[in-house]
PDB file of N, CA and C in Angstrom:
ATOM      1  N   MET A   1       0.465  -1.405   0.203  1.00  0.00           N
ATOM      2  CA  MET A   1      -0.334   0.020  -0.401  1.00  0.00           C
ATOM      3  C   MET A   1       0.470   0.942   0.018  1.00  0.00           C
ATOM      4  N   SER A   2       0.465   2.282  -0.641  1.00  0.00           N
ATOM      5  CA  SER A   2       0.996   3.342  -0.636  1.00  0.00           C
ATOM      6  C   SER A   2       1.482   4.491   0.682  1.00  0.00           C
ATOM      7  N   PRO A   3       1.993   5.137   0.677  1.00  0.00           N
ATOM      8  CA  PRO A   3       1.959   5.921   1.909  1.00  0.00           C
ATOM      9  C   PRO A   3       0.524   7.060   1.405  1.00  0.00           C
ATOM     10  N   HIS A   4      -0.155   7.271   0.668  1.00  0.00           N
ATOM     11  CA  HIS A   4      -0.757   8.176   0.069  1.00  0.00           C
ATOM     12  C   HIS A   4      -2.279   6.909   0.824  1.00  0.00           C
ATOM     13  N   GLU A   5      -2.441   5.523   0.401  1.00  0.00           N
ATOM     14  CA  GLU A   5      -3.285   5.107   0.457  1.00  0.00           C
ATOM     15  C   GLU A   5      -3.207   4.657   2.266  1.00  0.00           C
ATOM     16  N   LEU A   6      -2.161   4.480   2.270  1.00  0.00           N
ATOM     17  CA  LEU A   6      -2.074   4.277   4.260  1.00  0.00           C
ATOM     18  C   LEU A   6      -2.575   6.032   4.530  1.00  0.00           C
ATOM     19  N   PHE A   7      -2.565   6.788   4.413  1.00  0.00           N
ATOM     20  CA  PHE A   7      -2.550   7.883   5.113  1.00  0.00           C
ATOM     21  C   PHE A   7      -4.532   8.039   5.120  1.00  0.00           C
ATOM     22  N   VAL A   8      -4.488   7.547   4.097  1.00  0.00           N
ATOM     23  CA  VAL A   8      -6.198   7.618   3.849  1.00  0.00           C
ATOM     24  C   VAL A   8      -6.995   6.975   4.203  1.00  0.00           C
ATOM     25  N   HIS A   9      -6.713   5.621   4.314  1.00  0.00           N
ATOM     26  CA  HIS A   9      -7.592   4.340   5.253  1.00  0.00           C
ATOM     27  C   HIS A   9      -7.199   4.351   6.776  1.00  0.00           C
ATOM     28  N   ASP A  10      -6.085   5.908   7.369  1.00  0.00           N
ATOM     29  CA  ASP A  10      -6.044   5.540   8.810  1.00  0.00           C
ATOM     30  C   ASP A  10      -6.776   7.176   9.080  1.00  0.00           C
ATOM     31  N   VAL A  11      -7.169   7.836   7.778  1.00  0.00           N
ATOM     32  CA  VAL A  11      -8.420   9.056   8.350  1.00  0.00           C
ATOM     33  C   VAL A  11      -9.707   8.754   8.227  1.00  0.00           C
ATOM     34  N   LEU A  12      -9.941   7.726   7.439  1.00  0.00           N
ATOM     35  CA  LEU A  12     -11.261   7.336   6.910  1.00  0.00           C
ATOM     36  C   LEU A  12     -11.355   6.270   8.840  1.00  0.00           C
ATOM     37  N   ALA A  13     -10.529   5.563   8.592  1.00  0.00           N
ATOM     38  CA  ALA A  13     -11.223   4.297  10.227  1.00  0.00           C
ATOM     39  C   ALA A  13     -11.536   5.314  10.946  1.00  0.00           C
ATOM     40  N   ARG A  14     -10.104   6.907  11.497  1.00  0.00           N
ATOM     41  CA  ARG A  14     -10.558   7.278  12.843  1.00  0.00           C
ATOM     42  C   ARG A  14     -11.873   7.957  12.938  1.00  0.00           C
ATOM     43  N   TYR A  15     -12.595   8.227  11.068  1.00  0.00           N
ATOM     44  CA  TYR A  15     -13.541   9.170  11.080  1.00  0.00           C
ATOM     45  C   TYR A  15     -15.085   7.930  11.689  1.00  0.00           C
ATOM     46  N   LEU A  16     -14.516   6.594  11.031  1.00  0.00           N
ATOM     47  CA  LEU A  16     -15.361   6.000  11.139  1.00  0.00           C
ATOM     48  C   LEU A  16     -16.023   4.803  12.664  1.00  0.00           C
ATOM     49  N   GLU A  17     -14.712   5.253  13.230  1.00  0.00           N
ATOM     50  CA  GLU A  17     -13.870   4.309  14.529  1.00  0.00           C
ATOM     51  C   GLU A  17     -13.954   2.798  14.210  1.00  0.00           C
ATOM     52  N   VAL A  18     -12.991   2.569  12.583  1.00  0.00           N
ATOM     53  CA  VAL A  18     -12.638   1.291  13.268  1.00  0.00           C
ATOM     54  C   VAL A  18     -12.022   0.979  12.663  1.00  0.00           C
ATOM     55  N   GLU A  19     -10.662  -0.536  12.540  1.00  0.00           N
ATOM     56  CA  GLU A  19      -9.365  -0.268  12.039  1.00  0.00           C
ATOM     57  C   GLU A  19      -9.123  -0.118  10.905  1.00  0.00           C
ATOM     58  N   PRO A  20      -7.899   0.574  10.513  1.00  0.00           N
ATOM     59  CA  PRO A  20      -7.624   0.871   9.140  1.00  0.00           C
ATOM     60  C   PRO A  20      -7.845   0.045   7.906  1.00  0.00           C
ATOM     61  N   ASP A  21      -7.723  -1.237   7.968  1.00  0.00           N
ATOM     62  CA  ASP A  21      -7.995  -2.648   7.832  1.00  0.00           C
ATOM     63  C   ASP A  21      -9.322  -3.018   7.495  1.00  0.00           C
ATOM     64  N   ASP A  22     -10.363  -2.115   7.473  1.00  0.00           N
ATOM     65  CA  ASP A  22     -11.755  -2.740   7.618  1.00  0.00           C
ATOM     66  C   ASP A  22     -12.432  -1.575   6.666  1.00  0.00           C
ATOM     67  N   VAL A  23     -11.359  -0.971   6.752  1.00  0.00           N
ATOM     68  CA  VAL A  23     -11.082  -0.013   4.720  1.00  0.00           C
ATOM     69  C   VAL A  23     -10.081  -0.793   3.375  1.00  0.00           C
ATOM     70  N   ALA A  24     -11.372  -0.986   3.064  1.00  0.00           N
ATOM     71  CA  ALA A  24     -10.836  -1.259   1.640  1.00  0.00           C
ATOM     72  C   ALA A  24     -10.447  -0.024   0.378  1.00  0.00           C
ATOM     73  N   THR A  25     -10.082  -0.460  -0.614  1.00  0.00           N
ATOM     74  CA  THR A  25      -9.436   1.284  -1.488  1.00  0.00           C
ATOM     75  C   THR A  25     -11.029   0.926  -2.087  1.00  0.00           C
ATOM     76  N   GLU A  26     -11.305  -0.086  -2.910  1.00  0.00           N
ATOM     77  CA  GLU A  26     -12.197  -0.415  -3.400  1.00  0.00           C
ATOM     78  C   GLU A  26     -13.105   0.309  -3.076  1.00  0.00           C
ATOM     79  N   ASP A  27     -14.051   0.042  -1.606  1.00  0.00           N
ATOM     80  CA  ASP A  27     -14.982   0.360  -0.992  1.00  0.00           C
ATOM     81  C   ASP A  27     -15.772   1.427  -1.663  1.00  0.00           C
ATOM     82  N   HIS A  28     -16.699   1.735  -1.949  1.00  0.00           N
ATOM     83  CA  HIS A  28     -17.809   3.087  -2.358  1.00  0.00           C
ATOM     84  C   HIS A  28     -18.083   3.616  -1.199  1.00  0.00           C
ATOM     85  N   LEU A  29     -17.672   5.634  -0.939  1.00  0.00           N
ATOM     86  CA  LEU A  29     -17.801   5.794   0.242  1.00  0.00           C
ATOM     87  C   LEU A  29     -19.575   5.647   0.548  1.00  0.00           C
ATOM     88  N   ALA A  30     -20.479   6.389  -0.200  1.00  0.00           N
ATOM     89  CA  ALA A  30     -21.651   6.192   0.282  1.00  0.00           C
ATOM     90  C   ALA A  30     -22.765   4.735   0.543  1.00  0.00           C
ATOM     91  N   ARG A  31     -21.922   4.142  -0.049  1.00  0.00           N
ATOM     92  CA  ARG A  31     -22.650   2.366  -0.448  1.00  0.00           C
ATOM     93  C   ARG A  31     -21.655   1.421   0.317  1.00  0.00           C
ATOM     94  N   ASP A  32     -20.813   1.428   0.267  1.00  0.00           N
ATOM     95  CA  ASP A  32     -19.808   0.649   1.350  1.00  0.00           C
ATOM     96  C   ASP A  32     -19.768   0.944   2.703  1.00  0.00           C
ATOM     97  N   LEU A  33     -19.645   2.336   2.791  1.00  0.00           N
ATOM     98  CA  LEU A  33     -19.240   3.487   4.270  1.00  0.00           C
ATOM     99  C   LEU A  33     -20.739   3.951   5.220  1.00  0.00           C
ATOM    100  N   GLY A  34     -21.711   4.109   3.788  1.00  0.00           N
ATOM    101  CA  GLY A  34     -21.869   4.868   4.373  1.00  0.00           C
ATOM    102  C   GLY A  34     -21.621   7.003   4.904  1.00  0.00           C
ATOM    103  N   PHE A  35     -21.410   7.000   3.804  1.00  0.00           N
ATOM    104  CA  PHE A  35     -20.610   8.794   3.548  1.00  0.00           C
ATOM    105  C   PHE A  35     -21.578   9.374   3.378  1.00  0.00           C
ATOM    106  N   ASP A  36     -22.106  10.782   3.382  1.00  0.00           N
ATOM    107  CA  ASP A  36     -22.845  11.575   2.905  1.00  0.00           C
ATOM    108  C   ASP A  36     -21.519  12.320   1.887  1.00  0.00           C
ATOM    109  N   ASP A  37     -22.726  12.981   1.775  1.00  0.00           N
ATOM    110  CA  ASP A  37     -21.899  14.964   1.708  1.00  0.00           C
ATOM    111  C   ASP A  37     -20.868  15.247   2.212  1.00  0.00           C
ATOM    112  N   LEU A  38     -21.438  15.393   3.621  1.00  0.00           N
ATOM    113  CA  LEU A  38     -21.343  16.066   4.638  1.00  0.00           C
ATOM    114  C   LEU A  38     -19.416  15.366   5.026  1.00  0.00           C
ATOM    115  N   ASP A  39     -19.839  13.681   5.679  1.00  0.00           N
ATOM    116  CA  ASP A  39     -18.746  13.348   6.009  1.00  0.00           C
ATOM    117  C   ASP A  39     -17.921  13.108   5.059  1.00  0.00           C
ATOM    118  N   LEU A  40     -17.745  13.521   3.821  1.00  0.00           N
ATOM    119  CA  LEU A  40     -17.215  13.375   3.465  1.00  0.00           C
ATOM    120  C   LEU A  40     -16.188  15.004   3.215  1.00  0.00           C
ATOM    121  N   ILE A  41     -16.914  15.971   3.743  1.00  0.00           N
ATOM    122  CA  ILE A  41     -15.825  17.437   4.116  1.00  0.00           C
ATOM    123  C   ILE A  41     -15.563  17.108   4.829  1.00  0.00           C
ATOM    124  N   LEU A  42     -16.520  16.594   6.047  1.00  0.00           N
ATOM    125  CA  LEU A  42     -14.985  16.608   7.297  1.00  0.00           C
ATOM    126  C   LEU A  42     -14.375  16.004   6.973  1.00  0.00           C
ATOM    127  N   VAL A  43     -13.925  14.615   6.505  1.00  0.00           N
ATOM    128  CA  VAL A  43     -12.775  13.686   6.431  1.00  0.00           C
ATOM    129  C   VAL A  43     -12.114  14.867   5.290  1.00  0.00           C
ATOM    130  N   ALA A  44     -12.035  16.003   4.313  1.00  0.00           N
ATOM    131  CA  ALA A  44     -11.739  16.890   4.123  1.00  0.00           C
ATOM    132  C   ALA A  44     -10.753  17.538   4.411  1.00  0.00           C
ATOM    133  N   LEU A  45     -11.209  17.666   5.612  1.00  0.00           N
ATOM    134  CA  LEU A  45     -11.342  19.088   6.460  1.00  0.00           C
ATOM    135  C   LEU A  45     -10.337  18.281   7.279  1.00  0.00           C
ATOM    136  N   GLU A  46     -10.249  17.016   8.016  1.00  0.00           N
ATOM    137  CA  GLU A  46      -9.332  16.841   9.168  1.00  0.00           C
ATOM    138  C   GLU A  46      -7.930  16.153   8.337  1.00  0.00           C
ATOM    139  N   ILE A  47      -8.012  15.605   6.482  1.00  0.00           N
ATOM    140  CA  ILE A  47      -6.748  15.930   5.599  1.00  0.00           C
ATOM    141  C   ILE A  47      -6.845  17.149   5.676  1.00  0.00           C
ATOM    142  N   GLU A  48      -7.832  17.980   5.624  1.00  0.00           N
ATOM    143  CA  GLU A  48      -6.642  19.241   5.863  1.00  0.00           C
ATOM    144  C   GLU A  48      -5.421  19.936   6.843  1.00  0.00           C
ATOM    145  N   ASP A  49      -6.445  19.619   7.980  1.00  0.00           N
ATOM    146  CA  ASP A  49      -5.898  20.080   9.072  1.00  0.00           C
ATOM    147  C   ASP A  49      -4.487  19.732   9.201  1.00  0.00           C
ATOM    148  N   THR A  50      -4.235  17.897   9.155  1.00  0.00           N
ATOM    149  CA  THR A  50      -3.143  17.395   8.696  1.00  0.00           C
ATOM    150  C   THR A  50      -1.966  17.959   8.512  1.00  0.00           C
ATOM    151  N   PHE A  51      -2.177  19.259   7.446  1.00  0.00           N
ATOM    152  CA  PHE A  51      -1.239  19.631   6.464  1.00  0.00           C
ATOM    153  C   PHE A  51      -1.464  20.968   6.133  1.00  0.00           C
ATOM    154  N   ALA A  52      -1.873  21.404   7.196  1.00  0.00           N
ATOM    155  CA  ALA A  52      -1.808  23.247   7.232  1.00  0.00           C
ATOM    156  C   ALA A  52      -2.010  23.190   5.726  1.00  0.00           C
ATOM    157  N   SER A  53      -3.358  23.125   4.801  1.00  0.00           N
ATOM    158  CA  SER A  53      -3.076  23.113   3.681  1.00  0.00           C
ATOM    159  C   SER A  53      -4.748  23.204   3.169  1.00  0.00           C
ATOM    160  N   GLU A  54      -4.779  24.844   2.361  1.00  0.00           N
ATOM    161  CA  GLU A  54      -6.447  24.276   2.128  1.00  0.00           C
ATOM    162  C   GLU A  54      -6.454  22.689   0.939  1.00  0.00           C
ATOM    163  N   PHE A  55      -7.217  22.313   1.107  1.00  0.00           N
ATOM    164  CA  PHE A  55      -7.775  21.095   0.015  1.00  0.00           C
ATOM    165  C   PHE A  55      -8.454  21.605  -0.895  1.00  0.00           C
ATOM    166  N   PRO A  56      -8.341  20.907  -2.069  1.00  0.00           N
ATOM    167  CA  PRO A  56      -9.488  21.315  -2.832  1.00  0.00           C
ATOM    168  C   PRO A  56     -10.342  21.140  -3.038  1.00  0.00           C
ATOM    169  N   MET A  57     -11.788  21.852  -2.189  1.00  0.00           N
ATOM    170  CA  MET A  57     -12.450  20.947  -1.720  1.00  0.00           C
ATOM    171  C   MET A  57     -13.951  20.865  -2.689  1.00  0.00           C
ATOM    172  N   ALA A  58     -13.657  21.412  -4.160  1.00  0.00           N
ATOM    173  CA  ALA A  58     -14.660  21.720  -5.007  1.00  0.00           C
ATOM    174  C   ALA A  58     -14.818  20.208  -5.917  1.00  0.00           C
ATOM    175  N   SER A  59     -12.869  19.117  -5.552  1.00  0.00           N
ATOM    176  CA  SER A  59     -12.446  18.624  -6.663  1.00  0.00           C
ATOM    177  C   SER A  59     -13.328  16.833  -5.885  1.00  0.00           C
ATOM    178  N   LEU A  60     -13.890  17.231  -4.240  1.00  0.00           N
ATOM    179  CA  LEU A  60     -14.977  16.536  -4.070  1.00  0.00           C
ATOM    180  C   LEU A  60     -15.776  15.355  -5.063  1.00  0.00           C
ATOM    181  N   GLU A  61     -16.571  16.477  -5.247  1.00  0.00           N
ATOM    182  CA  GLU A  61     -17.548  16.627  -6.303  1.00  0.00           C
ATOM    183  C   GLU A  61     -17.198  15.359  -6.955  1.00  0.00           C
ATOM    184  N   GLY A  62     -16.526  14.553  -7.829  1.00  0.00           N
ATOM    185  CA  GLY A  62     -16.405  13.069  -8.213  1.00  0.00           C
ATOM    186  C   GLY A  62     -16.120  12.375  -7.301  1.00  0.00           C
ATOM    187  N   VAL A  63     -15.307  12.249  -6.056  1.00  0.00           N
ATOM    188  CA  VAL A  63     -14.972  11.135  -5.502  1.00  0.00           C
ATOM    189  C   VAL A  63     -15.630  10.336  -5.071  1.00  0.00           C
ATOM    190  N   THR A  64     -15.701   9.177  -4.878  1.00  0.00           N
ATOM    191  CA  THR A  64     -17.210   8.012  -4.799  1.00  0.00           C
ATOM    192  C   THR A  64     -16.642   6.818  -4.614  1.00  0.00           C
ATOM    193  N   THR A  65     -14.957   6.656  -4.216  1.00  0.00           N
ATOM    194  CA  THR A  65     -14.695   5.530  -3.583  1.00  0.00           C
ATOM    195  C   THR A  65     -13.413   5.909  -2.802  1.00  0.00           C
ATOM    196  N   VAL A  66     -13.023   5.170  -1.945  1.00  0.00           N
ATOM    197  CA  VAL A  66     -11.885   5.516  -0.942  1.00  0.00           C
ATOM    198  C   VAL A  66     -10.452   5.856  -2.342  1.00  0.00           C
ATOM    199  N   GLY A  67     -10.582   4.518  -2.686  1.00  0.00           N
ATOM    200  CA  GLY A  67      -9.615   5.162  -3.837  1.00  0.00           C
ATOM    201  C   GLY A  67      -9.066   6.319  -4.571  1.00  0.00           C
ATOM    202  N   SER A  68     -10.357   6.740  -5.424  1.00  0.00           N
ATOM    203  CA  SER A  68     -10.616   7.871  -5.476  1.00  0.00           C
ATOM    204  C   SER A  68     -10.136   9.350  -4.496  1.00  0.00           C
ATOM    205  N   LEU A  69     -10.414   8.999  -3.129  1.00  0.00           N
ATOM    206  CA  LEU A  69      -9.625   9.688  -2.588  1.00  0.00           C
ATOM    207  C   LEU A  69      -8.665  10.033  -2.666  1.00  0.00           C
ATOM    208  N   VAL A  70      -8.278   8.879  -2.189  1.00  0.00           N
ATOM    209  CA  VAL A  70      -7.030   8.706  -2.547  1.00  0.00           C
ATOM    210  C   VAL A  70      -5.744   9.352  -3.479  1.00  0.00           C
ATOM    211  N   ASP A  71      -6.932   8.788  -4.586  1.00  0.00           N
ATOM    212  CA  ASP A  71      -6.032   9.567  -6.112  1.00  0.00           C
ATOM    213  C   ASP A  71      -5.819  10.863  -5.654  1.00  0.00           C
ATOM    214  N   LEU A  72      -7.106  11.717  -5.306  1.00  0.00           N
ATOM    215  CA  LEU A  72      -7.282  13.175  -5.152  1.00  0.00           C
ATOM    216  C   LEU A  72      -6.454  13.519  -4.308  1.00  0.00           C
ATOM    217  N   VAL A  73      -6.069  13.310  -2.947  1.00  0.00           N
ATOM    218  CA  VAL A  73      -5.189  13.315  -1.751  1.00  0.00           C
ATOM    219  C   VAL A  73      -3.746  13.439  -2.732  1.00  0.00           C
ATOM    220  N   ARG A  74      -3.290  12.019  -3.456  1.00  0.00           N
ATOM    221  CA  ARG A  74      -2.420  11.362  -4.234  1.00  0.00           C
ATOM    222  C   ARG A  74      -1.334  13.246  -5.789  1.00  0.00           C
ATOM    223  N   THR A  75      -3.102  13.958  -5.443  1.00  0.00           N
ATOM    224  CA  THR A  75      -2.682  14.414  -6.621  1.00  0.00           C
ATOM    225  C   THR A  75      -2.597  15.891  -5.872  1.00  0.00           C
ATOM    226  N   TRP A  76      -2.528  15.898  -4.916  1.00  0.00           N
ATOM    227  CA  TRP A  76      -2.875  17.230  -4.403  1.00  0.00           C
ATOM    228  C   TRP A  76      -2.045  17.687  -3.503  1.00  0.00           C
ATOM    229  N   ARG A  77      -1.587  15.969  -3.076  1.00  0.00           N
ATOM    230  CA  ARG A  77      -0.174  16.370  -2.059  1.00  0.00           C
ATOM    231  C   ARG A  77       1.217  16.599  -3.512  1.00  0.00           C
ATOM    232  N   LEU A  78       1.357  15.810  -4.761  1.00  0.00           N
ATOM    233  CA  LEU A  78       1.886  15.570  -5.219  1.00  0.00           C
ATOM    234  C   LEU A  78       2.203  17.381  -5.518  1.00  0.00           C
ATOM    235  N   GLY A  79       1.507  17.685  -6.009  1.00  0.00           N
ATOM    236  CA  GLY A  79       1.526  18.794  -6.701  1.00  0.00           C
ATOM    237  C   GLY A  79       2.080  20.429  -5.434  1.00  0.00           C
ATOM    238  N   ASP A  80       1.652  20.127  -4.270  1.00  0.00           N
ATOM    239  CA  ASP A  80       2.541  20.352  -3.399  1.00  0.00           C
ATOM    240  C   ASP A  80       3.414  20.307  -2.860  1.00  0.00           C
ATOM    241  N   ALA A  81       4.180  19.633  -3.505  1.00  0.00           N
ATOM    242  CA  ALA A  81       5.489  18.593  -3.552  1.00  0.00           C
ATOM    243  C   ALA A  81       6.205  18.827  -2.278  1.00  0.00           C
ATOM    244  N   GLN A  82       5.151  18.227  -1.287  1.00  0.00           N
ATOM    245  CA  GLN A  82       5.285  18.418   0.636  1.00  0.00           C
ATOM    246  C   GLN A  82       5.973  16.414   0.833  1.00  0.00           C
ATOM    247  N   PRO A  83       6.450  16.088   1.791  1.00  0.00           N
ATOM    248  CA  PRO A  83       5.995  14.835   2.067  1.00  0.00           C
ATOM    249  C   PRO A  83       5.013  14.606   2.602  1.00  0.00           C
ATOM    250  N   MET A  84       4.576  13.011   2.242  1.00  0.00           N
ATOM    251  CA  MET A  84       3.752  12.531   2.820  1.00  0.00           C
ATOM    252  C   MET A  84       3.966  12.296   4.071  1.00  0.00           C
ATOM    253  N   ALA A  85       3.148  12.726   5.340  1.00  0.00           N
ATOM    254  CA  ALA A  85       2.611  12.818   6.624  1.00  0.00           C
ATOM    255  C   ALA A  85       1.854  11.614   7.177  1.00  0.00           C
ATOM    256  N   ARG A  86       2.377  10.247   8.363  1.00  0.00           N
ATOM    257  CA  ARG A  86       1.857   9.841   8.383  1.00  0.00           C
ATOM    258  C   ARG A  86       0.084  10.235   9.475  1.00  0.00           C
ATOM    259  N   ALA A  87      -0.751  10.111   9.143  1.00  0.00           N
ATOM    260  CA  ALA A  87      -1.891  10.710  10.601  1.00  0.00           C
ATOM    261  C   ALA A  87      -1.485   9.855  11.111  1.00  0.00           C
ATOM    262  N   SER A  88      -1.772  10.828  12.514  1.00  0.00           N
ATOM    263  CA  SER A  88      -1.247  10.245  14.207  1.00  0.00           C
ATOM    264  C   SER A  88      -2.767  10.683  14.946  1.00  0.00           C
TER     265      SER A  88
END
């Protein structure tokens, strides 16, 4: 698993109060994890707080799976050219 996948799995697991292994990259956020738009925004705010950098909220519209959130975080972080940190 890439650092970005581990990070997103950790953030989602903390939000859902489950173990990171209970979150799969192929999980659908709404159907499998019960997320609604507010849940996704709250997770994005947690990610934003972790890096003290503005998250591209407008890009959340196309995010439907854990994998698509991982891709968005990867693109955002690589665009910022900052090292990946593990969520605490």
